């Protein structure tokens, strides 16, 4: 039993390290913005998957100004990184993030709502919106698959640009 627990702890640690390593292109303020975005997405997944829209609505209402500012930060990051494709890449990221979080919930099965539902209670207990980034970072909600630093679309765009230049 002890070996199993140690193995699970090591695997969890490795997964968290892998996720952190995959987002090395983000500075501390960008990383905080992405963590809050992941928290917002997790709240939405909880609301839809656990039929608890009241707590989600309370979360969105209480933190609306901070979440709106956060959304602008994330959108600006995508605009800066991808230029004209910024909005499309941002939309793709949001969809992939929610899908990955939903898939993780499916893997937890009936434990998902009781296990992750605590997040909404805890976030509502924060004293102010300024605590959101630190809280969100502690939740480790950014799945490794949501790697914005090495997106397939970014690689594909490089290939397209190279091929366009070769044809001219």
Protein backbone atom coordinates (compact mmCIF):
# COMPACT_ATOMS: atom_id res chain seq x y z
CA UNK A 1 0.00 0.00 0.00
CA UNK A 2 2.80 2.38 0.88
CA UNK A 3 4.51 1.71 -2.47
CA UNK A 4 1.27 2.47 -4.28
CA UNK A 5 0.89 5.79 -2.46
CA UNK A 6 4.50 6.72 -3.13
CA UNK A 7 4.09 5.80 -6.80
CA UNK A 8 0.94 7.90 -7.09
CA UNK A 9 2.63 10.84 -5.37
CA UNK A 10 5.63 10.58 -7.69
CA UNK A 11 3.40 10.38 -10.76
CA UNK A 12 1.40 13.41 -9.61
CA UNK A 13 4.58 15.35 -8.97
CA UNK A 14 5.94 14.43 -12.39
CA UNK A 15 2.70 15.52 -14.06
CA UNK A 16 2.77 18.88 -12.27
CA UNK A 17 6.43 19.36 -13.18
CA UNK A 18 5.67 18.44 -16.79
CA UNK A 19 2.81 20.95 -16.94
CA UNK A 20 4.99 23.66 -15.41
CA UNK A 21 7.84 22.90 -17.80
CA UNK A 22 5.52 23.07 -20.80
CA UNK A 23 4.54 26.64 -19.92
CA UNK A 24 8.04 28.05 -19.54
CA UNK A 25 7.39 30.62 -22.27
CA UNK A 26 5.05 32.44 -19.90
CA UNK A 27 6.35 35.09 -17.53
CA UNK A 28 4.94 35.20 -14.00
CA UNK A 29 2.10 37.63 -14.80
CA UNK A 30 1.14 35.73 -17.97
CA UNK A 31 1.22 32.44 -16.07
CA UNK A 32 -1.05 33.96 -13.40
CA UNK A 33 -3.49 35.07 -16.11
CA UNK A 34 -3.55 31.57 -17.61
CA UNK A 35 -4.04 30.00 -14.17
CA UNK A 36 -7.05 32.26 -13.54
CA UNK A 37 -8.37 31.38 -17.01
CA UNK A 38 -8.05 27.69 -16.10
CA UNK A 39 -9.93 28.35 -12.84
CA UNK A 40 -12.72 30.08 -14.75
CA UNK A 41 -12.90 27.18 -17.19
CA UNK A 42 -12.94 24.62 -14.37
CA UNK A 43 -15.80 26.53 -12.73
CA UNK A 44 -17.75 26.36 -16.00
CA UNK A 45 -17.06 22.62 -16.36
CA UNK A 46 -18.21 22.10 -12.76
CA UNK A 47 -21.38 24.11 -13.38
CA UNK A 48 -22.32 22.12 -16.46
CA UNK A 49 -21.07 18.71 -15.34
CA UNK A 50 -22.39 18.91 -11.79
CA UNK A 51 -25.59 20.86 -12.52
CA UNK A 52 -24.54 23.64 -10.15
CA UNK A 53 -25.00 26.82 -12.11
CA UNK A 54 -25.93 28.85 -9.01
CA UNK A 55 -22.42 28.63 -7.52
CA UNK A 56 -20.87 29.34 -10.95
CA UNK A 57 -23.11 32.39 -11.40
CA UNK A 58 -22.14 33.62 -7.93
CA UNK A 59 -18.46 33.17 -8.83
CA UNK A 60 -18.84 35.02 -12.13
CA UNK A 61 -20.82 37.85 -10.51
CA UNK A 62 -18.50 38.34 -7.55
CA UNK A 63 -15.30 38.32 -9.60
CA UNK A 64 -16.67 39.78 -12.84
CA UNK A 65 -14.33 42.82 -13.07
CA UNK A 66 -11.23 40.73 -12.27
CA UNK A 67 -12.27 37.94 -14.64
CA UNK A 68 -12.96 40.45 -17.41
CA UNK A 69 -9.52 42.03 -16.91
CA UNK A 70 -8.00 38.56 -16.91
CA UNK A 71 -9.76 37.69 -20.16
CA UNK A 72 -8.30 40.83 -21.75
CA UNK A 73 -4.79 39.84 -20.56
CA UNK A 74 -5.07 36.36 -22.04
CA UNK A 75 -6.53 37.73 -25.30
CA UNK A 76 -3.69 40.25 -25.54
CA UNK A 77 -1.14 37.46 -25.04
CA UNK A 78 -2.64 35.49 -27.93
CA UNK A 79 -2.80 38.61 -30.10
CA UNK A 80 0.87 39.33 -29.40
CA UNK A 81 1.99 35.74 -30.03
CA UNK A 82 -0.17 34.97 -33.07
CA UNK A 83 -1.02 38.34 -34.62
CA UNK A 84 -4.01 38.08 -36.95
CA UNK A 85 -4.69 34.53 -35.78
CA UNK A 86 -4.73 35.64 -32.13
CA UNK A 87 -8.49 35.40 -31.67
CA UNK A 88 -8.73 32.04 -33.41
CA UNK A 89 -5.86 30.65 -31.30
CA UNK A 90 -7.42 32.06 -28.15
CA UNK A 91 -10.75 30.41 -29.01
CA UNK A 92 -8.97 27.13 -29.78
CA UNK A 93 -7.15 27.26 -26.45
CA UNK A 94 -10.35 27.95 -24.47
CA UNK A 95 -12.10 25.04 -26.18
CA UNK A 96 -9.17 22.65 -25.66
CA UNK A 97 -8.84 23.71 -22.03
CA UNK A 98 -12.51 23.05 -21.29
CA UNK A 99 -12.40 19.74 -23.17
CA UNK A 100 -9.29 18.60 -21.27
CA UNK A 101 -10.85 19.57 -17.94
CA UNK A 102 -14.08 17.82 -18.88
CA UNK A 103 -12.16 14.69 -19.89
CA UNK A 104 -10.35 14.74 -16.53
CA UNK A 105 -13.73 14.97 -14.85
CA UNK A 106 -15.00 12.01 -16.84
CA UNK A 107 -12.00 9.97 -15.70
CA UNK A 108 -12.84 10.78 -12.06
CA UNK A 109 -16.40 9.59 -12.67
CA UNK A 110 -18.76 10.07 -9.75
CA UNK A 111 -15.89 11.49 -7.66
CA UNK A 112 -15.54 14.54 -9.92
CA UNK A 113 -18.30 16.72 -8.46
CA UNK A 114 -17.52 16.09 -4.77
CA UNK A 115 -13.75 16.30 -5.36
CA UNK A 116 -13.59 19.38 -7.58
CA UNK A 117 -16.78 21.06 -6.42
CA UNK A 118 -14.92 22.23 -3.33
CA UNK A 119 -13.00 24.63 -5.59
CA UNK A 120 -16.03 26.88 -6.02
CA UNK A 121 -16.69 26.98 -2.28
CA UNK A 122 -13.06 27.81 -1.59
CA UNK A 123 -12.83 30.52 -4.25
CA UNK A 124 -15.96 32.16 -2.87
CA UNK A 125 -14.31 32.27 0.57
CA UNK A 126 -11.43 34.43 -0.69
CA UNK A 127 -11.38 37.89 0.82
CA UNK A 128 -10.82 39.68 -2.51
CA UNK A 129 -10.27 39.24 -6.22
CA UNK A 130 -6.58 40.02 -5.73
CA UNK A 131 -6.24 36.52 -4.23
CA UNK A 132 -7.52 34.80 -7.41
CA UNK A 133 -4.12 34.33 -9.14
CA UNK A 134 -2.47 32.71 -6.11
CA UNK A 135 -5.52 30.55 -5.44
CA UNK A 136 -5.74 29.49 -9.08
CA UNK A 137 -2.03 28.62 -9.22
CA UNK A 138 -2.44 26.38 -6.18
CA UNK A 139 -5.22 24.40 -7.85
CA UNK A 140 -3.00 23.11 -10.71
CA UNK A 141 -5.89 23.27 -13.18
CA UNK A 142 -3.86 23.80 -16.35
CA UNK A 143 -3.72 20.37 -18.02
CA UNK A 144 -0.44 19.40 -19.71
CA UNK A 145 -2.31 19.18 -23.02
CA UNK A 146 -3.04 22.93 -22.87
CA UNK A 147 0.51 23.89 -23.77
CA UNK A 148 0.27 27.38 -25.27
CA UNK A 149 4.05 27.56 -25.73
CA UNK A 150 4.21 24.72 -28.25
CA UNK A 151 0.85 24.80 -29.97
CA UNK A 152 0.34 22.71 -33.10
CA UNK A 153 -1.20 25.74 -34.80
CA UNK A 154 1.97 27.75 -34.17
CA UNK A 155 4.06 25.04 -35.79
CA UNK A 156 1.65 24.79 -38.72
CA UNK A 157 1.79 28.53 -39.28
CA UNK A 158 5.56 28.40 -39.54
CA UNK A 159 5.27 25.68 -42.16
CA UNK A 160 2.72 27.75 -44.08
CA UNK A 161 4.91 30.83 -43.98
CA UNK A 162 7.92 28.89 -45.20
CA UNK A 163 5.95 27.29 -48.02
CA UNK A 164 4.50 30.66 -49.05
CA UNK A 165 7.97 32.18 -49.21
CA UNK A 166 9.25 29.28 -51.32
CA UNK A 167 6.50 29.76 -53.90
CA UNK A 168 7.20 33.44 -54.45
